[in-house]
Amino acid sequence: MSLRVAWIRRERDPFSLRVFVEALVPRLERLGIVMQPCREEEAPPAADVLWEPGAGWRLTAPAVRAAAGRMPVLVTIHGLRPFVRPGREDGPDADAVRAGLLRDWAELRERVWVVSPSHFGAEEAGQVYGVAAQRLRVVAHGVDGGLFRPSFRMSLLPIRQPRFFLHVAAWQPVKNTERVLAAYSRLAAKRPELLAVLPGYPVDRPVPPGVRLLGEGLPQERLAELYRQALALVAPSLRETFGLPLLEAMASGCPVITSAGSGCREAAGDAALLVDPEDTQDIADAMRRVMDEPRLRRNLARRGRARAALFTWERAAQGYAGLFRELAG
């Protein structure tokens, strides 16, 4: 008899979460698992396991409460946004949200299993929510190698210096955009353009000279094109649970500059130029090296492609399928 997994489907999830779900669900179905979508506000249908694919930063779905204790529940935590830099990135209801989450998890931590895309994220869930180590699992995200890949032309020709640095992020302090812009401004006057894809960037905020701002998100296909053309992706986030864009850039043959900590380092391994995200000069020096050293660019591109090849959605689906079978007994 086929394993049945009820999973919570939402229509208005963040884009990155939709990418995750849309990559995994069809692959799980191809592995013979019956995936049954359900609404978050209702008790789930009869199934062997309930999967909540997007948790950690929002209050517990009624479906999870209804299922916990009645069937095995697997919760994917992509990050604990309300607990990141508290007091510096808080919204108006931040204290109430944190208190509600801690109450929820005091009830749930011994009744659900948690999976994170990184060891950093799993350890964070254990520390913040008190989830025991035996209830924590790690399954890394994958990269769509059909979409994010070097162009055929790039594979035939020597790498020449492309036209721009690339920075892609939502306008949030944790993405460290202010330091990226400041670091870029420290480069020599004859510097490549910085293309900043920044949904939510304030319309009344000045843009430094040499920066071309795109204030809206881009389709995945267009983003893949930009990765293939860029001198480097500059993504020194103050904190990331995993850092999937780093691997997407690497798979596209784009050198990466990122943070020497959190999930960024875990995702990038030794295939990126690592910087102190709180040191503007360190970020600027890394950008200057990528700009001035063709051999370094070639080396980063080669190592990045090899690193990204380790992360596939097929492997992620196999990992989740194994967890579902483990929990179903």
C-alpha atoms as a PDB file:
ATOM      1  CA  MET A   1       0.000   0.000   0.000  1.00  0.00           C
ATOM      2  CA  SER A   2       1.331   3.452  -0.925  1.00  0.00           C
ATOM      3  CA  LEU A   3       2.465   5.843   1.770  1.00  0.00           C
ATOM      4  CA  ARG A   4       0.006   8.736   2.149  1.00  0.00           C
ATOM      5  CA  VAL A   5       1.289  12.164   3.169  1.00  0.00           C
ATOM      6  CA  ALA A   6      -1.131  15.008   3.883  1.00  0.00           C
ATOM      7  CA  TRP A   7       0.603  18.336   3.347  1.00  0.00           C
ATOM      8  CA  ILE A   8      -0.456  21.900   4.094  1.00  0.00           C
ATOM      9  CA  ARG A   9      -0.856  23.950   0.931  1.00  0.00           C
ATOM     10  CA  ARG A  10      -1.145  27.737   1.060  1.00  0.00           C
ATOM     11  CA  GLU A  11      -1.912  30.041  -1.833  1.00  0.00           C
ATOM     12  CA  ARG A  12       0.131  33.023  -0.622  1.00  0.00           C
ATOM     13  CA  ASP A  13       3.400  31.614   0.616  1.00  0.00           C
ATOM     14  CA  PRO A  14       6.643  33.550   0.059  1.00  0.00           C
ATOM     15  CA  PHE A  15       8.203  32.955  -3.342  1.00  0.00           C
ATOM     16  CA  SER A  16      11.147  30.934  -2.008  1.00  0.00           C
ATOM     17  CA  LEU A  17       8.784  28.600  -0.158  1.00  0.00           C
ATOM     18  CA  ARG A  18       6.689  28.091  -3.285  1.00  0.00           C
ATOM     19  CA  VAL A  19       9.842  27.139  -5.197  1.00  0.00           C
ATOM     20  CA  PHE A  20      10.657  24.587  -2.479  1.00  0.00           C
ATOM     21  CA  VAL A  21       7.191  23.008  -2.461  1.00  0.00           C
ATOM     22  CA  GLU A  22       6.803  22.995  -6.241  1.00  0.00           C
ATOM     23  CA  ALA A  23      10.168  21.269  -6.585  1.00  0.00           C
ATOM     24  CA  LEU A  24       9.533  18.578  -3.978  1.00  0.00           C
ATOM     25  CA  VAL A  25       5.894  17.525  -4.298  1.00  0.00           C
ATOM     26  CA  PRO A  26       6.006  16.148  -7.872  1.00  0.00           C
ATOM     27  CA  ARG A  27       9.292  14.372  -7.169  1.00  0.00           C
ATOM     28  CA  LEU A  28       7.825  12.761  -4.057  1.00  0.00           C
ATOM     29  CA  GLU A  29       4.861  11.602  -6.129  1.00  0.00           C
ATOM     30  CA  ARG A  30       7.251  10.055  -8.649  1.00  0.00           C
ATOM     31  CA  LEU A  31       8.758   8.105  -5.755  1.00  0.00           C
ATOM     32  CA  GLY A  32       5.354   6.509  -5.174  1.00  0.00           C
ATOM     33  CA  ILE A  33       4.174   8.672  -2.266  1.00  0.00           C
ATOM     34  CA  VAL A  34       0.553   9.827  -2.384  1.00  0.00           C
ATOM     35  CA  MET A  35       0.653  13.570  -1.647  1.00  0.00           C
ATOM     36  CA  GLN A  36      -2.693  14.877  -0.344  1.00  0.00           C
ATOM     37  CA  PRO A  37      -2.938  18.691  -0.057  1.00  0.00           C
ATOM     38  CA  CYS A  38      -4.980  20.106   2.811  1.00  0.00           C
ATOM     39  CA  ARG A  39      -5.886  23.530   4.180  1.00  0.00           C
ATOM     40  CA  GLU A  40      -4.039  24.906   7.174  1.00  0.00           C
ATOM     41  CA  GLU A  41      -7.216  25.846   9.057  1.00  0.00           C
ATOM     42  CA  GLU A  42      -8.802  22.382   8.879  1.00  0.00           C
ATOM     43  CA  ALA A  43      -8.069  18.977  10.349  1.00  0.00           C
ATOM     44  CA  PRO A  44      -6.031  16.994   7.796  1.00  0.00           C
ATOM     45  CA  PRO A  45      -7.457  13.973   5.975  1.00  0.00           C
ATOM     46  CA  ALA A  46      -6.597  10.449   7.038  1.00  0.00           C
ATOM     47  CA  ALA A  47      -2.944   9.863   6.153  1.00  0.00           C
ATOM     48  CA  ASP A  48       0.214   8.192   7.405  1.00  0.00           C
ATOM     49  CA  VAL A  49       2.050  11.493   8.026  1.00  0.00           C
ATOM     50  CA  LEU A  50       1.204  15.212   8.056  1.00  0.00           C
ATOM     51  CA  TRP A  51       3.818  17.512   6.532  1.00  0.00           C
ATOM     52  CA  GLU A  52       3.918  21.235   7.308  1.00  0.00           C
ATOM     53  CA  PRO A  53       6.345  22.555   4.657  1.00  0.00           C
ATOM     54  CA  GLY A  54       6.712  26.116   5.973  1.00  0.00           C
ATOM     55  CA  ALA A  55       6.979  26.774   9.702  1.00  0.00           C
ATOM     56  CA  GLY A  56       9.165  28.437  12.285  1.00  0.00           C
ATOM     57  CA  TRP A  57       8.261  32.096  11.805  1.00  0.00           C
ATOM     58  CA  ARG A  58       4.451  31.922  11.968  1.00  0.00           C
ATOM     59  CA  LEU A  59       2.025  30.598  14.542  1.00  0.00           C
ATOM     60  CA  THR A  60       1.145  26.933  14.374  1.00  0.00           C
ATOM     61  CA  ALA A  61      -1.480  25.960  11.821  1.00  0.00           C
ATOM     62  CA  PRO A  62      -4.704  24.449  13.238  1.00  0.00           C
ATOM     63  CA  ALA A  63      -4.081  21.418  11.012  1.00  0.00           C
ATOM     64  CA  VAL A  64      -0.845  20.719  12.891  1.00  0.00           C
ATOM     65  CA  ARG A  65      -2.552  21.075  16.261  1.00  0.00           C
ATOM     66  CA  ALA A  66      -5.316  18.713  15.174  1.00  0.00           C
ATOM     67  CA  ALA A  67      -2.875  16.095  13.887  1.00  0.00           C
ATOM     68  CA  ALA A  68      -0.188  16.193  16.595  1.00  0.00           C
ATOM     69  CA  GLY A  69      -0.658  13.123  18.743  1.00  0.00           C
ATOM     70  CA  ARG A  70      -3.036  11.532  16.225  1.00  0.00           C
ATOM     71  CA  MET A  71      -0.507  10.933  13.444  1.00  0.00           C
ATOM     72  CA  PRO A  72       3.206  11.622  12.941  1.00  0.00           C
ATOM     73  CA  VAL A  73       3.836  15.273  12.025  1.00  0.00           C
ATOM     74  CA  LEU A  74       6.931  16.508  10.182  1.00  0.00           C
ATOM     75  CA  VAL A  75       7.535  20.266  10.218  1.00  0.00           C
ATOM     76  CA  THR A  76      10.018  21.992   7.907  1.00  0.00           C
ATOM     77  CA  ILE A  77      11.602  25.060   9.493  1.00  0.00           C
ATOM     78  CA  HIS A  78      13.305  27.322   6.961  1.00  0.00           C
ATOM     79  CA  GLY A  79      14.282  29.974   9.476  1.00  0.00           C
ATOM     80  CA  LEU A  80      13.312  31.688  12.711  1.00  0.00           C
ATOM     81  CA  ARG A  81      12.856  35.214  11.382  1.00  0.00           C
ATOM     82  CA  PRO A  82      11.196  36.703  14.527  1.00  0.00           C
ATOM     83  CA  PHE A  83      14.230  35.685  16.583  1.00  0.00           C
ATOM     84  CA  VAL A  84      16.857  37.050  14.173  1.00  0.00           C
ATOM     85  CA  ARG A  85      18.466  40.208  15.562  1.00  0.00           C
ATOM     86  CA  PRO A  86      15.525  40.972  17.904  1.00  0.00           C
ATOM     87  CA  GLY A  87      15.110  44.664  18.603  1.00  0.00           C
ATOM     88  CA  ARG A  88      16.808  45.652  15.336  1.00  0.00           C
ATOM     89  CA  GLU A  89      14.472  44.054  12.786  1.00  0.00           C
ATOM     90  CA  ASP A  90      11.252  44.000  14.760  1.00  0.00           C
ATOM     91  CA  GLY A  91       7.830  44.799  13.419  1.00  0.00           C
ATOM     92  CA  PRO A  92       5.176  46.447  15.617  1.00  0.00           C
ATOM     93  CA  ASP A  93       3.907  43.112  17.020  1.00  0.00           C
ATOM     94  CA  ALA A  94       7.273  41.356  17.290  1.00  0.00           C
ATOM     95  CA  ASP A  95       7.143  40.701  21.041  1.00  0.00           C
ATOM     96  CA  ALA A  96       3.656  39.211  20.799  1.00  0.00           C
ATOM     97  CA  VAL A  97       4.679  37.027  17.845  1.00  0.00           C
ATOM     98  CA  ARG A  98       7.741  35.718  19.673  1.00  0.00           C
ATOM     99  CA  ALA A  99       5.707  34.989  22.796  1.00  0.00           C
ATOM    100  CA  GLY A 100       3.075  33.165  20.742  1.00  0.00           C
ATOM    101  CA  LEU A 101       5.668  31.071  18.932  1.00  0.00           C
ATOM    102  CA  LEU A 102       7.370  30.078  22.173  1.00  0.00           C
ATOM    103  CA  ARG A 103       4.000  29.056  23.651  1.00  0.00           C
ATOM    104  CA  ASP A 104       3.197  27.017  20.551  1.00  0.00           C
ATOM    105  CA  TRP A 105       6.482  25.188  20.574  1.00  0.00           C
ATOM    106  CA  ALA A 106       6.374  24.510  24.308  1.00  0.00           C
ATOM    107  CA  GLU A 107       3.319  22.393  23.466  1.00  0.00           C
ATOM    108  CA  LEU A 108       4.568  20.919  20.183  1.00  0.00           C
ATOM    109  CA  ARG A 109       8.257  20.197  20.638  1.00  0.00           C
ATOM    110  CA  GLU A 110       7.638  16.682  21.986  1.00  0.00           C
ATOM    111  CA  ARG A 111       4.818  15.922  19.531  1.00  0.00           C
ATOM    112  CA  VAL A 112       6.346  16.740  16.136  1.00  0.00           C
ATOM    113  CA  TRP A 113       9.570  16.109  14.230  1.00  0.00           C
ATOM    114  CA  VAL A 114      11.509  18.994  12.696  1.00  0.00           C
ATOM    115  CA  VAL A 115      13.541  19.066   9.492  1.00  0.00           C
ATOM    116  CA  SER A 116      15.789  21.945   8.419  1.00  0.00           C
ATOM    117  CA  PRO A 117      17.775  22.478   5.214  1.00  0.00           C
ATOM    118  CA  SER A 118      20.981  22.961   7.231  1.00  0.00           C
ATOM    119  CA  HIS A 119      22.673  21.856  10.428  1.00  0.00           C
ATOM    120  CA  PHE A 120      22.797  25.528  11.394  1.00  0.00           C
ATOM    121  CA  GLY A 121      19.003  25.720  11.109  1.00  0.00           C
ATOM    122  CA  ALA A 122      18.445  22.482  13.008  1.00  0.00           C
ATOM    123  CA  GLU A 123      20.682  23.606  15.857  1.00  0.00           C
ATOM    124  CA  GLU A 124      18.880  26.950  15.957  1.00  0.00           C
ATOM    125  CA  ALA A 125      15.485  25.215  16.209  1.00  0.00           C
ATOM    126  CA  GLY A 126      16.827  23.141  19.075  1.00  0.00           C
ATOM    127  CA  GLN A 127      18.191  26.166  20.908  1.00  0.00           C
ATOM    128  CA  VAL A 128      15.228  28.516  20.413  1.00  0.00           C
ATOM    129  CA  TYR A 129      12.291  26.106  20.576  1.00  0.00           C
ATOM    130  CA  GLY A 130      13.798  23.400  22.756  1.00  0.00           C
ATOM    131  CA  VAL A 131      13.330  20.612  20.205  1.00  0.00           C
ATOM    132  CA  ALA A 132      15.302  17.554  21.319  1.00  0.00           C
ATOM    133  CA  ALA A 133      18.158  16.398  19.092  1.00  0.00           C
ATOM    134  CA  GLN A 134      16.459  13.059  18.385  1.00  0.00           C
ATOM    135  CA  ARG A 135      13.541  14.932  16.816  1.00  0.00           C
ATOM    136  CA  LEU A 136      15.725  17.048  14.515  1.00  0.00           C
ATOM    137  CA  ARG A 137      16.677  16.082  10.966  1.00  0.00           C
ATOM    138  CA  VAL A 138      18.540  17.801   8.117  1.00  0.00           C
ATOM    139  CA  VAL A 139      17.659  17.558   4.419  1.00  0.00           C
ATOM    140  CA  ALA A 140      19.362  20.128   2.194  1.00  0.00           C
ATOM    141  CA  HIS A 141      17.507  21.953  -0.553  1.00  0.00           C
ATOM    142  CA  GLY A 142      18.277  21.283  -4.193  1.00  0.00           C
ATOM    143  CA  VAL A 143      19.098  23.329  -7.271  1.00  0.00           C
ATOM    144  CA  ASP A 144      17.206  23.151 -10.554  1.00  0.00           C
ATOM    145  CA  GLY A 145      20.123  22.174 -12.768  1.00  0.00           C
ATOM    146  CA  GLY A 146      18.016  22.472 -15.900  1.00  0.00           C
ATOM    147  CA  LEU A 147      17.412  26.155 -15.245  1.00  0.00           C
ATOM    148  CA  PHE A 148      20.527  27.239 -13.370  1.00  0.00           C
ATOM    149  CA  ARG A 149      23.444  26.211 -15.574  1.00  0.00           C
ATOM    150  CA  PRO A 150      26.300  27.889 -17.433  1.00  0.00           C
ATOM    151  CA  SER A 151      25.517  28.890 -20.987  1.00  0.00           C
ATOM    152  CA  PHE A 152      26.900  26.732 -23.792  1.00  0.00           C
ATOM    153  CA  ARG A 153      28.877  29.720 -25.039  1.00  0.00           C
ATOM    154  CA  MET A 154      30.502  30.196 -21.636  1.00  0.00           C
ATOM    155  CA  SER A 155      31.564  26.549 -21.586  1.00  0.00           C
ATOM    156  CA  LEU A 156      33.435  26.987 -24.897  1.00  0.00           C
ATOM    157  CA  LEU A 157      35.096  30.357 -24.399  1.00  0.00           C
ATOM    158  CA  PRO A 158      37.567  31.598 -21.784  1.00  0.00           C
ATOM    159  CA  ILE A 159      35.836  33.507 -19.008  1.00  0.00           C
ATOM    160  CA  ARG A 160      36.017  37.211 -19.763  1.00  0.00           C
ATOM    161  CA  GLN A 161      35.199  39.915 -17.275  1.00  0.00           C
ATOM    162  CA  PRO A 162      31.410  40.351 -17.363  1.00  0.00           C
ATOM    163  CA  ARG A 163      29.710  43.669 -16.973  1.00  0.00           C
ATOM    164  CA  PHE A 164      28.359  43.846 -13.431  1.00  0.00           C
ATOM    165  CA  PHE A 165      28.304  42.700  -9.842  1.00  0.00           C
ATOM    166  CA  LEU A 166      24.935  41.266  -8.817  1.00  0.00           C
ATOM    167  CA  HIS A 167      23.103  41.626  -5.502  1.00  0.00           C
ATOM    168  CA  VAL A 168      19.698  39.959  -5.148  1.00  0.00           C
ATOM    169  CA  ALA A 169      17.743  40.310  -1.907  1.00  0.00           C
ATOM    170  CA  ALA A 170      14.517  41.425  -0.341  1.00  0.00           C
ATOM    171  CA  TRP A 171      14.911  44.804   1.363  1.00  0.00           C
ATOM    172  CA  GLN A 172      15.554  43.498   4.878  1.00  0.00           C
ATOM    173  CA  PRO A 173      18.385  44.466   7.258  1.00  0.00           C
ATOM    174  CA  VAL A 174      19.495  40.837   7.602  1.00  0.00           C
ATOM    175  CA  LYS A 175      20.386  40.794   3.880  1.00  0.00           C
ATOM    176  CA  ASN A 176      23.109  43.386   4.599  1.00  0.00           C
ATOM    177  CA  THR A 177      22.373  45.501   1.528  1.00  0.00           C
ATOM    178  CA  GLU A 178      23.552  48.722   3.196  1.00  0.00           C
ATOM    179  CA  ARG A 179      27.062  47.317   3.593  1.00  0.00           C
ATOM    180  CA  VAL A 180      27.042  45.908   0.060  1.00  0.00           C
ATOM    181  CA  LEU A 181      26.261  49.379  -1.304  1.00  0.00           C
ATOM    182  CA  ALA A 182      28.874  50.966   0.954  1.00  0.00           C
ATOM    183  CA  ALA A 183      31.494  48.390  -0.067  1.00  0.00           C
ATOM    184  CA  TYR A 184      30.746  48.971  -3.735  1.00  0.00           C
ATOM    185  CA  SER A 185      31.213  52.720  -3.247  1.00  0.00           C
ATOM    186  CA  ARG A 186      34.752  52.068  -1.968  1.00  0.00           C
ATOM    187  CA  LEU A 187      35.874  50.487  -5.246  1.00  0.00           C
ATOM    188  CA  ALA A 188      37.881  52.439  -7.805  1.00  0.00           C
ATOM    189  CA  ALA A 189      36.031  54.867 -10.052  1.00  0.00           C
ATOM    190  CA  LYS A 190      36.449  52.523 -13.056  1.00  0.00           C
ATOM    191  CA  ARG A 191      34.374  49.775 -11.556  1.00  0.00           C
ATOM    192  CA  PRO A 192      31.735  47.505 -13.056  1.00  0.00           C
ATOM    193  CA  GLU A 193      28.110  48.362 -12.487  1.00  0.00           C
ATOM    194  CA  LEU A 194      26.330  46.887  -9.463  1.00  0.00           C
ATOM    195  CA  LEU A 195      22.952  45.505 -10.480  1.00  0.00           C
ATOM    196  CA  ALA A 196      20.811  45.365  -7.336  1.00  0.00           C
ATOM    197  CA  VAL A 197      17.561  43.400  -7.516  1.00  0.00           C
ATOM    198  CA  LEU A 198      15.865  44.701  -4.373  1.00  0.00           C
ATOM    199  CA  PRO A 199      12.101  44.248  -4.061  1.00  0.00           C
ATOM    200  CA  GLY A 200      10.842  46.652  -1.403  1.00  0.00           C
ATOM    201  CA  TYR A 201      13.681  49.173  -1.714  1.00  0.00           C
ATOM    202  CA  PRO A 202      12.298  52.533  -0.460  1.00  0.00           C
ATOM    203  CA  VAL A 203      11.420  54.779  -3.394  1.00  0.00           C
ATOM    204  CA  ASP A 204      12.688  57.878  -1.568  1.00  0.00           C
ATOM    205  CA  ARG A 205      16.070  56.342  -0.721  1.00  0.00           C
ATOM    206  CA  PRO A 206      19.027  57.518  -2.844  1.00  0.00           C
ATOM    207  CA  VAL A 207      20.919  55.028  -5.002  1.00  0.00           C
ATOM    208  CA  PRO A 208      24.737  55.316  -5.012  1.00  0.00           C
ATOM    209  CA  PRO A 209      26.493  56.151  -8.307  1.00  0.00           C
ATOM    210  CA  GLY A 210      27.100  53.070 -10.442  1.00  0.00           C
ATOM    211  CA  VAL A 211      24.212  51.114  -8.933  1.00  0.00           C
ATOM    212  CA  ARG A 212      21.339  50.084 -11.187  1.00  0.00           C
ATOM    213  CA  LEU A 213      18.300  49.280  -9.093  1.00  0.00           C
ATOM    214  CA  LEU A 214      15.528  46.856  -9.984  1.00  0.00           C
ATOM    215  CA  GLY A 215      12.831  47.315  -7.353  1.00  0.00           C
ATOM    216  CA  GLU A 216      10.753  44.285  -8.284  1.00  0.00           C
ATOM    217  CA  GLY A 217      11.358  40.558  -8.143  1.00  0.00           C
ATOM    218  CA  LEU A 218      12.359  38.713 -11.302  1.00  0.00           C
ATOM    219  CA  PRO A 219      11.212  35.419 -12.802  1.00  0.00           C
ATOM    220  CA  GLN A 220      13.563  32.513 -12.176  1.00  0.00           C
ATOM    221  CA  GLU A 221      14.462  32.362 -15.877  1.00  0.00           C
ATOM    222  CA  ARG A 222      15.594  35.999 -15.923  1.00  0.00           C
ATOM    223  CA  LEU A 223      17.520  35.550 -12.687  1.00  0.00           C
ATOM    224  CA  ALA A 224      19.370  32.582 -14.182  1.00  0.00           C
ATOM    225  CA  GLU A 225      20.395  34.772 -17.139  1.00  0.00           C
ATOM    226  CA  LEU A 226      21.760  37.428 -14.787  1.00  0.00           C
ATOM    227  CA  TYR A 227      23.777  34.847 -12.852  1.00  0.00           C
ATOM    228  CA  ARG A 228      25.357  33.678 -16.109  1.00  0.00           C
ATOM    229  CA  GLN A 229      26.340  37.235 -17.062  1.00  0.00           C
ATOM    230  CA  ALA A 230      27.495  38.564 -13.686  1.00  0.00           C
ATOM    231  CA  LEU A 231      31.028  39.131 -12.489  1.00  0.00           C
ATOM    232  CA  ALA A 232      29.959  37.773  -9.087  1.00  0.00           C
ATOM    233  CA  LEU A 233      26.963  37.441  -6.812  1.00  0.00           C
ATOM    234  CA  VAL A 234      27.555  39.572  -3.703  1.00  0.00           C
ATOM    235  CA  ALA A 235      25.457  38.090  -0.889  1.00  0.00           C
ATOM    236  CA  PRO A 236      27.080  38.636   2.535  1.00  0.00           C
ATOM    237  CA  SER A 237      23.895  38.173   4.572  1.00  0.00           C
ATOM    238  CA  LEU A 238      24.152  38.646   8.309  1.00  0.00           C
ATOM    239  CA  ARG A 239      22.319  35.357   8.691  1.00  0.00           C
ATOM    240  CA  GLU A 240      20.784  32.704   6.438  1.00  0.00           C
ATOM    241  CA  THR A 241      19.425  29.296   7.305  1.00  0.00           C
ATOM    242  CA  PHE A 242      20.611  27.818   4.013  1.00  0.00           C
ATOM    243  CA  GLY A 243      21.338  30.226   1.170  1.00  0.00           C
ATOM    244  CA  LEU A 244      19.805  28.588  -1.903  1.00  0.00           C
ATOM    245  CA  PRO A 245      20.554  31.611  -4.172  1.00  0.00           C
ATOM    246  CA  LEU A 246      24.260  31.014  -3.541  1.00  0.00           C
ATOM    247  CA  LEU A 247      24.019  27.530  -5.017  1.00  0.00           C
ATOM    248  CA  GLU A 248      21.806  28.684  -7.889  1.00  0.00           C
ATOM    249  CA  ALA A 249      24.463  31.252  -8.798  1.00  0.00           C
ATOM    250  CA  MET A 250      27.223  28.642  -8.513  1.00  0.00           C
ATOM    251  CA  ALA A 251      25.309  26.227 -10.732  1.00  0.00           C
ATOM    252  CA  SER A 252      25.090  29.029 -13.316  1.00  0.00           C
ATOM    253  CA  GLY A 253      28.863  29.513 -13.324  1.00  0.00           C
ATOM    254  CA  CYS A 254      28.731  32.725 -11.295  1.00  0.00           C
ATOM    255  CA  PRO A 255      31.427  33.338  -8.636  1.00  0.00           C
ATOM    256  CA  VAL A 256      29.977  34.004  -5.178  1.00  0.00           C
ATOM    257  CA  ILE A 257      30.970  36.327  -2.334  1.00  0.00           C
ATOM    258  CA  THR A 258      29.156  35.435   0.876  1.00  0.00           C
ATOM    259  CA  SER A 259      29.365  35.335   4.656  1.00  0.00           C
ATOM    260  CA  ALA A 260      31.773  33.221   6.659  1.00  0.00           C
ATOM    261  CA  GLY A 261      29.028  32.106   9.017  1.00  0.00           C
ATOM    262  CA  SER A 262      25.478  30.781   9.511  1.00  0.00           C
ATOM    263  CA  GLY A 263      23.940  28.714   6.724  1.00  0.00           C
ATOM    264  CA  CYS A 264      25.852  30.679   4.077  1.00  0.00           C
ATOM    265  CA  ARG A 265      29.130  28.966   4.895  1.00  0.00           C
ATOM    266  CA  GLU A 266      27.424  25.593   5.191  1.00  0.00           C
ATOM    267  CA  ALA A 267      25.875  25.895   1.728  1.00  0.00           C
ATOM    268  CA  ALA A 268      28.911  27.417   0.013  1.00  0.00           C
ATOM    269  CA  GLY A 269      31.608  25.228   1.533  1.00  0.00           C
ATOM    270  CA  ASP A 270      34.998  26.121   0.051  1.00  0.00           C
ATOM    271  CA  ALA A 271      33.502  27.219  -3.270  1.00  0.00           C
ATOM    272  CA  ALA A 272      32.900  30.895  -2.430  1.00  0.00           C
ATOM    273  CA  LEU A 273      34.905  33.891  -1.298  1.00  0.00           C
ATOM    274  CA  LEU A 274      33.954  34.195   2.381  1.00  0.00           C
ATOM    275  CA  VAL A 275      33.861  37.546   4.189  1.00  0.00           C
ATOM    276  CA  ASP A 276      33.006  39.007   7.564  1.00  0.00           C
ATOM    277  CA  PRO A 277      29.491  40.336   6.862  1.00  0.00           C
ATOM    278  CA  GLU A 278      29.888  43.128   9.413  1.00  0.00           C
ATOM    279  CA  ASP A 279      33.148  44.411   7.895  1.00  0.00           C
ATOM    280  CA  THR A 280      32.428  46.708   4.944  1.00  0.00           C
ATOM    281  CA  GLN A 281      36.100  46.827   3.949  1.00  0.00           C
ATOM    282  CA  ASP A 282      36.319  43.026   3.887  1.00  0.00           C
ATOM    283  CA  ILE A 283      33.362  42.945   1.479  1.00  0.00           C
ATOM    284  CA  ALA A 284      34.955  45.651  -0.680  1.00  0.00           C
ATOM    285  CA  ASP A 285      38.292  43.801  -0.745  1.00  0.00           C
ATOM    286  CA  ALA A 286      36.572  40.610  -1.910  1.00  0.00           C
ATOM    287  CA  MET A 287      34.783  42.511  -4.683  1.00  0.00           C
ATOM    288  CA  ARG A 288      38.081  44.074  -5.730  1.00  0.00           C
ATOM    289  CA  ARG A 289      39.793  40.674  -5.870  1.00  0.00           C
ATOM    290  CA  VAL A 290      37.055  39.197  -8.039  1.00  0.00           C
ATOM    291  CA  MET A 291      37.220  42.268 -10.273  1.00  0.00           C
ATOM    292  CA  ASP A 292      41.027  42.200 -10.663  1.00  0.00           C
ATOM    293  CA  GLU A 293      41.920  38.474 -10.635  1.00  0.00           C
ATOM    294  CA  PRO A 294      40.698  36.440 -13.630  1.00  0.00           C
ATOM    295  CA  ARG A 295      42.280  33.257 -12.272  1.00  0.00           C
ATOM    296  CA  LEU A 296      40.327  33.621  -9.027  1.00  0.00           C
ATOM    297  CA  ARG A 297      37.095  34.081 -10.984  1.00  0.00           C
ATOM    298  CA  ARG A 298      37.753  30.943 -13.014  1.00  0.00           C
ATOM    299  CA  ASN A 299      38.612  28.985  -9.885  1.00  0.00           C
ATOM    300  CA  LEU A 300      35.474  30.134  -8.046  1.00  0.00           C
ATOM    301  CA  ALA A 301      33.295  29.343 -11.064  1.00  0.00           C
ATOM    302  CA  ARG A 302      34.772  25.836 -11.375  1.00  0.00           C
ATOM    303  CA  ARG A 303      34.503  25.034  -7.665  1.00  0.00           C
ATOM    304  CA  GLY A 304      31.037  26.547  -7.512  1.00  0.00           C
ATOM    305  CA  ARG A 305      29.694  24.314 -10.270  1.00  0.00           C
ATOM    306  CA  ALA A 306      31.104  21.257  -8.514  1.00  0.00           C
ATOM    307  CA  ARG A 307      29.606  22.362  -5.199  1.00  0.00           C
ATOM    308  CA  ALA A 308      26.154  23.051  -6.641  1.00  0.00           C
ATOM    309  CA  ALA A 309      26.101  19.634  -8.326  1.00  0.00           C
ATOM    310  CA  LEU A 310      25.954  18.051  -4.857  1.00  0.00           C
ATOM    311  CA  PHE A 311      22.541  19.632  -4.206  1.00  0.00           C
ATOM    312  CA  THR A 312      19.684  18.279  -6.324  1.00  0.00           C
ATOM    313  CA  TRP A 313      15.936  18.255  -5.758  1.00  0.00           C
ATOM    314  CA  GLU A 314      15.987  14.522  -6.495  1.00  0.00           C
ATOM    315  CA  ARG A 315      18.320  13.996  -3.554  1.00  0.00           C
ATOM    316  CA  ALA A 316      16.144  16.253  -1.389  1.00  0.00           C
ATOM    317  CA  ALA A 317      13.034  14.259  -2.351  1.00  0.00           C
ATOM    318  CA  GLN A 318      14.804  11.014  -1.457  1.00  0.00           C
ATOM    319  CA  GLY A 319      15.658  12.507   1.926  1.00  0.00           C
ATOM    320  CA  TYR A 320      12.077  13.561   2.622  1.00  0.00           C
ATOM    321  CA  ALA A 321      10.709  10.238   1.409  1.00  0.00           C
ATOM    322  CA  GLY A 322      13.024   8.483   3.845  1.00  0.00           C
ATOM    323  CA  LEU A 323      11.799  10.678   6.704  1.00  0.00           C
ATOM    324  CA  PHE A 324       8.137  10.077   5.853  1.00  0.00           C
ATOM    325  CA  ARG A 325       8.720   6.309   5.812  1.00  0.00           C
ATOM    326  CA  GLU A 326      10.669   6.476   9.062  1.00  0.00           C
ATOM    327  CA  LEU A 327       7.862   8.364  10.824  1.00  0.00           C
ATOM    328  CA  ALA A 328       5.116   6.179   9.361  1.00  0.00           C
ATOM    329  CA  GLY A 329       6.891   3.122  10.732  1.00  0.00           C
END
